N, C-alpha and C. Protein backbone atom coordinates (compact mmCIF):
# COMPACT_ATOMS: atom_id res chain seq x y z
N MET A 1 131.55 94.12 140.60
CA MET A 1 132.39 93.06 142.48
C MET A 1 133.26 92.26 142.04
N LEU A 2 133.81 91.95 140.73
CA LEU A 2 135.25 91.45 140.96
C LEU A 2 136.15 92.00 140.12
N LYS A 3 137.37 92.91 140.31
CA LYS A 3 138.12 93.58 139.37
C LYS A 3 139.39 92.11 139.17
N LYS A 4 139.99 92.07 137.87
CA LYS A 4 141.21 91.35 137.85
C LYS A 4 142.10 92.20 137.68
N ILE A 5 143.05 91.60 138.28
CA ILE A 5 144.27 92.30 138.37
C ILE A 5 145.52 91.54 138.52
N LYS A 6 146.57 92.12 137.21
CA LYS A 6 147.99 91.14 137.21
C LYS A 6 148.39 91.20 138.47
N LEU A 7 149.08 89.59 138.31
CA LEU A 7 149.62 89.20 139.96
C LEU A 7 150.51 89.93 140.30
N GLN A 8 151.76 90.87 139.69
CA GLN A 8 152.73 91.87 139.99
C GLN A 8 151.34 93.73 141.03
N ASP A 9 150.55 93.40 140.27
CA ASP A 9 149.91 94.92 140.73
C ASP A 9 149.01 93.92 142.27
N ALA A 10 149.45 92.87 142.36
CA ALA A 10 148.19 92.30 143.41
C ALA A 10 149.20 92.85 144.59
N VAL A 11 150.80 93.40 144.60
CA VAL A 11 151.70 93.25 146.01
C VAL A 11 150.52 94.84 147.01
N GLY A 12 150.70 94.10 148.18
CA GLY A 12 149.65 94.94 149.11
C GLY A 12 148.33 94.81 149.15
N THR A 13 147.55 93.71 148.73
CA THR A 13 146.33 93.66 148.33
C THR A 13 145.99 92.93 149.14
N LYS A 14 144.75 92.46 149.88
CA LYS A 14 144.10 91.30 150.76
C LYS A 14 143.37 90.47 149.97
N LEU A 15 143.30 89.24 150.45
CA LEU A 15 143.15 88.30 149.44
C LEU A 15 141.28 88.11 149.54
N ALA A 16 140.54 88.67 148.77
CA ALA A 16 139.19 87.96 149.42
C ALA A 16 138.78 86.71 148.76
N HIS A 17 139.25 85.98 149.02
CA HIS A 17 138.74 84.37 148.99
C HIS A 17 139.92 83.19 149.43
N ASP A 18 140.32 82.73 150.32
CA ASP A 18 141.28 81.49 149.86
C ASP A 18 141.92 80.63 148.79
N LEU A 19 142.71 81.03 148.49
CA LEU A 19 143.27 80.18 147.83
C LEU A 19 143.81 78.82 147.51
N THR A 20 143.11 77.95 146.56
CA THR A 20 143.69 76.96 147.47
C THR A 20 144.45 76.16 146.51
N GLU A 21 145.82 74.85 146.92
CA GLU A 21 147.26 74.67 146.45
C GLU A 21 146.09 73.15 146.19
N ILE A 22 146.73 72.46 145.17
CA ILE A 22 146.67 71.03 145.81
C ILE A 22 148.34 70.25 144.37
N ARG A 23 147.96 69.41 145.41
CA ARG A 23 149.54 68.44 145.35
C ARG A 23 149.39 67.24 145.53
N PRO A 24 149.64 66.58 144.25
CA PRO A 24 148.75 64.78 144.72
C PRO A 24 149.38 64.50 145.33
N GLY A 25 149.28 63.13 146.43
CA GLY A 25 149.60 62.63 147.64
C GLY A 25 149.89 63.50 147.89
N GLU A 26 150.44 64.45 148.26
CA GLU A 26 151.04 65.44 149.17
C GLU A 26 149.77 65.96 149.85
N PHE A 27 149.04 67.20 149.81
CA PHE A 27 148.63 68.51 150.06
C PHE A 27 147.39 68.54 149.67
N LYS A 28 146.95 69.03 150.01
CA LYS A 28 145.11 70.08 149.19
C LYS A 28 144.33 70.73 150.59
N GLY A 29 144.22 72.13 149.80
CA GLY A 29 144.08 72.58 151.44
C GLY A 29 144.28 74.42 150.98
N ALA A 30 144.43 75.49 151.92
CA ALA A 30 144.20 76.64 151.55
C ALA A 30 145.72 76.86 152.00
N ALA A 31 146.61 77.67 150.51
CA ALA A 31 148.30 77.74 150.11
C ALA A 31 147.94 79.25 150.86
N PHE A 32 146.96 79.98 150.96
CA PHE A 32 146.82 81.86 151.58
C PHE A 32 145.57 81.75 151.37
N GLN A 33 145.30 82.49 152.35
CA GLN A 33 143.96 82.25 152.68
C GLN A 33 143.19 83.68 153.08
N LYS A 34 141.72 84.22 153.05
CA LYS A 34 141.43 84.83 152.83
C LYS A 34 141.75 86.00 153.79
N GLY A 35 141.92 87.02 153.49
CA GLY A 35 141.91 88.39 154.28
C GLY A 35 144.18 88.47 153.96
N HIS A 36 144.21 87.80 153.18
CA HIS A 36 146.54 87.44 153.44
C HIS A 36 146.47 88.73 152.45
N THR A 37 147.28 89.59 152.77
CA THR A 37 147.92 90.70 152.20
C THR A 37 149.30 90.00 151.43
N VAL A 38 149.01 90.27 149.84
CA VAL A 38 149.84 89.58 149.41
C VAL A 38 151.26 90.52 149.43
N CYS A 39 152.12 89.57 149.07
CA CYS A 39 153.85 90.79 149.50
C CYS A 39 154.79 89.88 148.61
N ASN A 40 156.40 90.72 148.45
CA ASN A 40 156.45 90.11 146.73
C ASN A 40 156.91 88.38 146.66
N GLU A 41 157.26 88.53 148.91
CA GLU A 41 157.26 86.85 148.44
C GLU A 41 156.75 86.31 148.32
N ASP A 42 155.35 86.50 148.28
CA ASP A 42 154.28 85.49 147.86
C ASP A 42 154.29 85.56 145.86
N LEU A 43 154.64 86.48 145.57
CA LEU A 43 154.19 86.27 143.94
C LEU A 43 154.43 84.40 143.46
N CYS A 44 155.91 84.42 143.54
CA CYS A 44 156.29 82.81 143.19
C CYS A 44 155.56 81.49 143.55
N HIS A 45 155.26 81.79 144.83
CA HIS A 45 154.64 80.67 144.51
C HIS A 45 153.36 80.64 144.32
N LEU A 46 152.61 82.11 144.37
CA LEU A 46 151.24 82.03 143.93
C LEU A 46 150.99 82.28 142.02
N GLN A 47 153.18 81.98 141.18
CA GLN A 47 152.40 81.59 140.12
C GLN A 47 152.70 80.06 139.67
N LYS A 48 153.53 79.86 140.89
CA LYS A 48 153.37 78.09 141.01
C LYS A 48 152.33 77.50 141.03
N LEU A 49 150.98 78.60 141.79
CA LEU A 49 150.17 77.99 141.91
C LEU A 49 149.39 77.96 139.90
N GLY A 50 149.94 78.81 139.20
CA GLY A 50 148.91 78.67 138.11
C GLY A 50 148.23 80.12 138.55
N LYS A 51 148.44 80.99 139.09
CA LYS A 51 147.77 82.12 139.13
C LYS A 51 148.89 83.27 138.33
N ASN A 52 148.12 84.13 137.17
CA ASN A 52 148.88 85.32 137.14
C ASN A 52 147.69 86.22 136.52
N HIS A 53 146.96 86.15 137.82
CA HIS A 53 145.55 87.47 138.24
C HIS A 53 145.36 87.17 139.11
N LEU A 54 145.08 87.90 139.81
CA LEU A 54 144.07 87.37 141.06
C LEU A 54 142.65 88.66 140.76
N TYR A 55 141.99 88.61 141.85
CA TYR A 55 140.50 89.05 141.69
C TYR A 55 140.24 89.98 143.70
N LEU A 56 140.00 90.90 142.73
CA LEU A 56 139.74 92.33 144.47
C LEU A 56 138.09 92.29 144.55
N ILE A 57 137.07 92.15 145.49
CA ILE A 57 136.00 91.75 145.20
C ILE A 57 135.45 93.75 145.86
N ASP A 58 134.19 93.31 145.23
CA ASP A 58 134.39 94.91 145.51
C ASP A 58 132.50 94.74 145.84
N LEU A 59 132.31 94.35 146.64
CA LEU A 59 130.77 94.11 146.92
C LEU A 59 129.35 94.77 146.88
N ALA A 60 128.59 94.86 146.54
CA ALA A 60 127.61 95.75 146.32
C ALA A 60 126.22 95.90 147.52
N GLU A 61 126.10 96.43 148.11
CA GLU A 61 125.44 96.72 148.60
C GLU A 61 124.21 95.45 148.79
N ASP A 62 123.50 94.75 148.24
CA ASP A 62 122.52 94.06 147.64
C ASP A 62 123.63 92.43 147.29
N GLU A 63 125.10 92.31 147.89
CA GLU A 63 125.60 91.40 148.15
C GLU A 63 126.90 90.75 149.28
N ILE A 64 126.28 90.10 149.17
CA ILE A 64 127.13 89.07 150.68
C ILE A 64 128.20 87.54 150.05
N HIS A 65 129.62 88.33 150.42
CA HIS A 65 130.85 87.65 150.44
C HIS A 65 129.92 85.42 150.62
N GLU A 66 130.77 84.62 149.86
CA GLU A 66 130.64 83.59 149.70
C GLU A 66 130.83 82.34 151.10
N ASP A 67 130.67 83.34 152.29
CA ASP A 67 131.75 82.89 153.51
C ASP A 67 130.39 83.27 154.39
N GLN A 68 129.41 84.29 154.61
CA GLN A 68 128.40 84.78 154.80
C GLN A 68 127.18 83.86 154.45
N ALA A 69 127.02 83.86 153.33
CA ALA A 69 126.25 83.21 152.08
C ALA A 69 126.39 81.28 153.05
N ALA A 70 127.51 81.10 152.85
CA ALA A 70 127.92 79.66 153.19
C ALA A 70 127.23 79.17 154.31
N ALA A 71 127.50 80.18 155.66
CA ALA A 71 126.90 79.71 156.72
C ALA A 71 125.12 80.10 157.28
N ILE A 72 125.05 80.85 156.30
CA ILE A 72 123.54 80.84 156.05
C ILE A 72 122.86 79.47 155.46
N LEU A 73 123.49 79.57 154.55
CA LEU A 73 123.23 77.73 153.61
C LEU A 73 123.43 76.70 155.24
N ALA A 74 124.28 76.95 155.91
CA ALA A 74 124.43 75.87 156.45
C ALA A 74 123.36 75.76 157.91
N SER A 75 123.61 77.02 158.31
CA SER A 75 121.76 76.92 158.51
C SER A 75 121.03 76.50 158.99
N GLY A 76 119.97 76.93 157.31
CA GLY A 76 119.01 76.49 157.16
C GLY A 76 119.14 74.70 157.05
N LEU A 77 119.83 73.82 156.17
CA LEU A 77 120.33 71.93 156.51
C LEU A 77 120.85 72.18 157.75
N ALA A 78 120.65 72.50 158.63
CA ALA A 78 120.87 71.51 159.53
C ALA A 78 119.87 71.20 160.22
N GLY A 79 119.59 70.08 160.13
CA GLY A 79 118.17 69.44 161.10
C GLY A 79 118.66 69.35 162.18
N GLU A 80 117.55 68.33 163.60
CA GLU A 80 117.96 67.90 164.56
C GLU A 80 119.24 67.70 164.97
N GLY A 81 119.87 67.23 165.90
CA GLY A 81 121.26 66.09 165.39
C GLY A 81 122.55 67.05 165.15
N ILE A 82 122.17 68.50 164.58
CA ILE A 82 123.18 68.51 163.35
C ILE A 82 123.88 69.53 163.32
N GLU A 83 125.46 69.81 163.75
CA GLU A 83 125.71 71.03 164.55
C GLU A 83 127.06 71.57 163.05
N TRP A 84 126.71 73.12 163.41
CA TRP A 84 127.85 73.71 162.88
C TRP A 84 128.98 74.52 162.96
N GLN A 85 129.91 74.95 162.45
CA GLN A 85 130.52 75.97 163.55
C GLN A 85 130.75 77.18 162.29
N ASN A 86 130.27 78.38 162.58
CA ASN A 86 130.46 79.06 161.19
C ASN A 86 131.90 79.63 161.29
N LYS A 87 132.85 78.44 160.24
CA LYS A 87 134.40 78.68 160.40
C LYS A 87 134.58 78.24 158.91
N PRO A 88 134.24 79.21 158.02
CA PRO A 88 133.74 78.77 156.16
C PRO A 88 135.27 78.10 156.04
N ARG A 89 135.64 77.22 155.28
CA ARG A 89 136.93 77.51 154.72
C ARG A 89 136.63 77.04 152.52
N GLU A 90 137.20 77.92 152.08
CA GLU A 90 137.42 78.08 150.79
C GLU A 90 135.52 77.85 149.99
N GLY A 91 134.96 79.14 150.95
CA GLY A 91 133.33 78.90 150.84
C GLY A 91 132.37 77.57 151.01
N LYS A 92 133.82 76.70 151.97
CA LYS A 92 132.48 75.16 152.48
C LYS A 92 132.89 75.69 154.41
N ILE A 93 131.52 74.62 154.72
CA ILE A 93 131.01 74.69 155.27
C ILE A 93 131.12 72.89 156.09
N LYS A 94 131.50 72.63 157.26
CA LYS A 94 130.87 71.12 157.56
C LYS A 94 130.07 71.03 158.77
N LEU A 95 129.22 70.17 158.60
CA LEU A 95 127.73 69.68 159.37
C LEU A 95 128.18 68.44 159.89
N LEU A 96 128.51 68.77 161.50
CA LEU A 96 128.53 67.72 162.06
C LEU A 96 127.41 66.75 163.03
N ALA A 97 127.88 65.86 162.97
CA ALA A 97 126.80 65.13 164.59
C ALA A 97 126.63 65.71 165.55
N GLU A 98 125.86 65.60 166.11
CA GLU A 98 125.55 66.56 167.19
C GLU A 98 125.82 65.26 168.28
N ARG A 99 125.78 64.27 168.10
CA ARG A 99 125.81 62.57 169.44
C ARG A 99 125.72 61.83 167.79
N ASP A 100 126.38 60.27 168.93
CA ASP A 100 125.77 58.80 168.39
C ASP A 100 124.58 59.16 167.97
N GLY A 101 124.72 58.16 167.38
CA GLY A 101 123.24 58.04 165.85
C GLY A 101 122.93 57.65 164.83
N LEU A 102 121.91 57.70 164.04
CA LEU A 102 121.65 57.17 162.69
C LEU A 102 121.37 58.31 162.11
N PHE A 103 121.85 58.59 160.17
CA PHE A 103 122.18 59.54 160.55
C PHE A 103 120.86 59.19 159.24
N THR A 104 119.36 60.46 159.18
CA THR A 104 118.88 60.20 158.21
C THR A 104 118.49 61.55 157.21
N VAL A 105 118.43 61.31 155.87
CA VAL A 105 118.49 62.45 155.26
C VAL A 105 117.17 62.66 154.23
N ASN A 106 116.82 63.59 154.48
CA ASN A 106 115.78 63.68 153.41
C ASN A 106 116.46 64.43 152.11
N THR A 107 116.18 62.82 151.42
CA THR A 107 116.63 63.11 149.89
C THR A 107 115.92 63.77 149.12
N ALA A 108 114.64 64.09 148.87
CA ALA A 108 113.94 64.94 147.95
C ALA A 108 114.05 66.44 148.12
N SER A 109 114.73 67.03 149.53
CA SER A 109 115.27 68.45 150.14
C SER A 109 116.62 68.72 149.65
N LEU A 110 117.13 68.22 149.50
CA LEU A 110 118.74 67.61 149.20
C LEU A 110 118.47 67.57 147.81
N ALA A 111 117.83 66.51 147.74
CA ALA A 111 117.56 66.96 145.04
C ALA A 111 117.48 68.32 145.39
N ALA A 112 115.64 68.97 145.65
CA ALA A 112 115.61 69.83 145.59
C ALA A 112 116.99 71.17 145.68
N PHE A 113 117.63 71.40 146.80
CA PHE A 113 118.76 72.04 147.00
C PHE A 113 119.75 71.98 145.89
N ASN A 114 120.25 71.27 145.92
CA ASN A 114 121.38 70.79 144.68
C ASN A 114 120.94 71.22 143.23
N MET A 115 119.69 71.58 142.90
CA MET A 115 119.09 71.82 141.58
C MET A 115 119.24 73.31 141.38
N ILE A 116 119.33 74.28 143.01
CA ILE A 116 119.15 75.78 142.65
C ILE A 116 120.64 75.60 142.08
N ASP A 117 121.02 76.69 141.34
CA ASP A 117 122.38 77.38 140.62
C ASP A 117 123.20 77.60 142.11
N GLU A 118 124.64 77.75 142.14
CA GLU A 118 125.81 77.94 142.73
C GLU A 118 125.36 77.68 144.01
N VAL A 119 124.60 77.10 145.06
CA VAL A 119 124.90 76.32 146.17
C VAL A 119 125.54 74.75 145.45
N MET A 120 125.62 74.54 146.61
CA MET A 120 125.37 72.44 146.93
C MET A 120 125.13 72.18 148.38
N CYS A 121 125.35 70.58 148.41
CA CYS A 121 125.34 70.46 149.94
C CYS A 121 125.07 68.87 149.37
N ALA A 122 126.34 68.71 150.14
CA ALA A 122 127.15 66.68 149.70
C ALA A 122 126.96 66.50 151.70
N THR A 123 126.11 64.69 151.11
CA THR A 123 126.68 64.74 152.63
C THR A 123 126.70 63.00 152.84
N LEU A 124 126.83 62.64 153.72
CA LEU A 124 126.63 60.91 153.93
C LEU A 124 125.46 60.02 153.46
N HIS A 125 125.05 58.68 153.03
CA HIS A 125 123.79 57.94 152.69
C HIS A 125 123.31 58.52 153.85
N ASN A 126 121.56 58.06 153.77
CA ASN A 126 120.92 57.79 154.14
C ASN A 126 120.90 56.78 155.15
N HIS A 127 120.31 56.62 156.17
CA HIS A 127 120.54 55.80 157.53
C HIS A 127 121.86 55.19 157.41
N THR A 128 122.78 56.28 158.03
CA THR A 128 124.04 55.72 157.96
C THR A 128 124.69 55.58 159.47
N LEU A 129 124.64 55.14 160.59
CA LEU A 129 125.61 55.54 161.60
C LEU A 129 126.34 55.92 161.64
N ILE A 130 126.45 56.69 163.13
CA ILE A 130 127.12 57.93 162.84
C ILE A 130 127.73 58.06 164.12
N LYS A 131 128.99 58.62 164.15
CA LYS A 131 129.30 59.00 166.57
C LYS A 131 129.68 60.51 166.36
N LYS A 132 129.55 60.76 167.83
CA LYS A 132 129.29 62.31 167.36
C LYS A 132 130.39 62.55 166.83
N GLY A 133 130.73 64.59 166.62
CA GLY A 133 131.38 64.98 165.51
C GLY A 133 131.86 64.39 164.19
N GLU A 134 131.24 63.66 163.87
CA GLU A 134 131.61 62.86 162.62
C GLU A 134 131.15 63.96 162.14
N LEU A 135 131.35 64.36 160.74
CA LEU A 135 131.55 64.89 159.67
C LEU A 135 129.92 63.98 158.63
N VAL A 136 128.94 64.32 158.94
CA VAL A 136 128.05 63.88 158.02
C VAL A 136 127.25 64.88 156.66
N ALA A 137 127.76 66.14 156.34
CA ALA A 137 127.66 66.53 155.56
C ALA A 137 128.36 67.97 154.82
N ALA A 138 128.09 68.88 153.81
CA ALA A 138 128.94 69.75 154.11
C ALA A 138 128.05 71.01 152.47
N THR A 139 128.16 71.91 152.82
CA THR A 139 127.15 72.75 151.70
C THR A 139 128.26 73.94 150.97
N ARG A 140 128.67 74.30 150.35
CA ARG A 140 128.72 74.96 149.51
C ARG A 140 128.43 76.02 148.72
N ALA A 141 129.20 77.71 149.25
CA ALA A 141 127.74 78.58 148.26
C ALA A 141 128.95 79.27 147.32
N ILE A 142 128.92 78.38 145.66
CA ILE A 142 130.29 78.35 144.05
C ILE A 142 130.87 79.25 144.27
N PRO A 143 129.85 80.83 143.87
CA PRO A 143 130.75 82.22 143.50
C PRO A 143 130.73 83.08 144.77
N LEU A 144 131.97 83.80 144.74
CA LEU A 144 132.38 84.75 145.15
C LEU A 144 131.53 85.19 146.22
N GLY A 145 130.56 86.38 145.46
CA GLY A 145 129.63 87.26 145.90
C GLY A 145 128.00 86.29 145.17
N HIS A 146 127.17 86.67 146.52
CA HIS A 146 125.95 86.18 146.63
C HIS A 146 125.64 87.22 146.64
N GLU A 147 123.55 87.53 145.43
CA GLU A 147 122.96 88.86 146.00
C GLU A 147 121.97 88.46 146.97
N THR A 148 121.76 89.20 148.14
CA THR A 148 121.02 88.60 148.94
C THR A 148 119.57 89.42 148.69
N GLY A 149 119.08 89.05 147.36
CA GLY A 149 117.76 89.14 147.53
C GLY A 149 116.63 87.82 147.66
N ALA A 150 115.47 87.72 147.56
CA ALA A 150 114.92 86.50 148.03
C ALA A 150 114.88 85.80 146.78
N ASN A 151 115.22 85.99 145.53
CA ASN A 151 115.24 85.31 144.42
C ASN A 151 116.44 84.64 144.23
N ARG A 152 117.75 84.86 145.50
CA ARG A 152 118.73 84.15 145.41
C ARG A 152 119.26 83.27 146.76
N ALA A 153 119.22 81.73 146.00
CA ALA A 153 120.11 81.26 147.01
C ALA A 153 120.55 80.86 148.32
N GLY A 154 121.71 82.20 147.90
CA GLY A 154 123.09 83.03 149.13
C GLY A 154 122.21 84.19 149.82
N GLY A 155 121.04 84.25 149.39
CA GLY A 155 120.25 85.91 149.91
C GLY A 155 120.49 85.21 151.52
N SER A 156 119.46 86.61 152.51
CA SER A 156 119.01 86.70 152.81
C SER A 156 118.31 85.59 154.01
N HIS A 157 116.97 85.22 152.09
CA HIS A 157 115.76 84.48 152.76
C HIS A 157 116.38 83.35 152.50
N CYS A 158 117.54 82.55 152.33
CA CYS A 158 117.32 81.24 152.27
C CYS A 158 117.19 80.17 153.43
N ALA A 159 117.22 80.81 154.34
CA ALA A 159 116.50 80.08 155.15
C ALA A 159 114.86 80.00 155.76
N THR A 160 114.62 80.05 155.14
CA THR A 160 113.28 80.76 155.24
C THR A 160 112.23 80.19 153.60
N LYS A 161 113.01 80.64 152.70
CA LYS A 161 112.85 80.40 150.71
C LYS A 161 113.43 78.60 150.78
N TRP A 162 114.48 78.65 150.61
CA TRP A 162 115.61 77.97 149.98
C TRP A 162 115.83 76.80 150.47
N CYS A 163 116.29 76.84 151.79
CA CYS A 163 116.83 75.79 152.33
C CYS A 163 115.42 74.79 153.22
N TYR A 164 115.50 73.44 153.50
CA TYR A 164 115.34 72.45 153.82
C TYR A 164 116.42 72.07 155.20
N PRO A 165 115.92 71.78 156.35
CA PRO A 165 116.34 70.56 156.72
C PRO A 165 116.68 69.59 156.01
N VAL A 166 118.04 69.24 155.08
CA VAL A 166 118.09 67.74 155.22
C VAL A 166 118.93 66.34 155.69
N GLY A 167 119.23 66.50 156.96
CA GLY A 167 119.87 65.78 157.90
C GLY A 167 119.98 65.64 159.21
N GLN A 168 118.83 64.62 159.68
CA GLN A 168 119.56 64.74 161.05
C GLN A 168 120.01 63.78 161.35
N SER A 169 120.07 63.74 162.78
CA SER A 169 120.78 62.47 163.80
C SER A 169 120.04 62.41 164.83
N HIS A 170 120.04 60.76 164.82
CA HIS A 170 118.64 60.53 165.86
C HIS A 170 119.39 59.58 166.83
N ALA A 171 119.11 59.63 168.07
CA ALA A 171 120.04 59.06 169.34
C ALA A 171 119.92 57.74 168.82
N ALA A 172 120.80 56.75 169.12
CA ALA A 172 120.29 55.51 169.19
C ALA A 172 120.09 54.97 170.88
N SER A 173 119.23 54.49 170.62
CA SER A 173 119.27 53.43 171.93
C SER A 173 120.01 52.77 172.04
N GLN A 174 119.93 52.57 173.70
CA GLN A 174 120.68 50.76 174.59
C GLN A 174 121.39 50.07 173.79
N SER A 175 119.67 49.31 173.28
CA SER A 175 119.29 48.17 173.05
C SER A 175 120.20 47.73 171.73
N GLY A 176 120.73 48.36 171.30
CA GLY A 176 121.26 47.93 170.23
C GLY A 176 121.76 48.56 168.37
N VAL A 177 122.51 48.24 167.99
CA VAL A 177 122.41 48.56 166.70
C VAL A 177 121.44 48.46 165.83
N GLY A 178 121.02 49.61 165.44
CA GLY A 178 120.02 49.57 164.43
C GLY A 178 118.79 50.21 164.83
N HIS A 179 118.56 50.18 166.02
CA HIS A 179 117.44 50.45 166.56
C HIS A 179 117.73 52.24 166.85
N TYR A 180 116.44 53.60 167.17
CA TYR A 180 116.88 54.42 167.27
C TYR A 180 115.81 55.38 167.84
N ARG A 181 115.73 55.98 168.79
CA ARG A 181 114.58 56.39 169.06
C ARG A 181 114.67 58.40 168.52
N GLN A 182 113.81 58.84 168.71
CA GLN A 182 113.17 59.90 168.37
C GLN A 182 113.62 61.18 170.24
């Protein structure tokens, strides 16, 4: 699945995943994005990021990339009134409010989901007032590759076997804050 190569041997290879850069107080995000072809000019920057090796990915037939796994997770986790875009970044997908309202969390499902190895979901607190487009949750598939078998959380059976909607957005009524209608 993963093959470790020395940085100097990486020139000409495509990155299998985003590489994160953190500069405290200045920047946190992808310094290099998945699919970027490493060139000689990148080596110094990669070394400054602490990279002496990179990993090539060779997914087996029964494996999927972390980005595909994150999309499967988002699909299973998004309840009524929650939307997401299939634009994973660093193996993460954001879940957003489709409308203004009250965000509710199925805390038992969220806790059960977060007990599964290699995946996670973080949400706003239960009963939070939200605005359309607001970030209400995010999910992540942690390793770079995931098995697609029924026993794996990132696999093709995720939406039916492992994932349960954990959050919903209830439309707010016009009568005042704190009231909602379904």
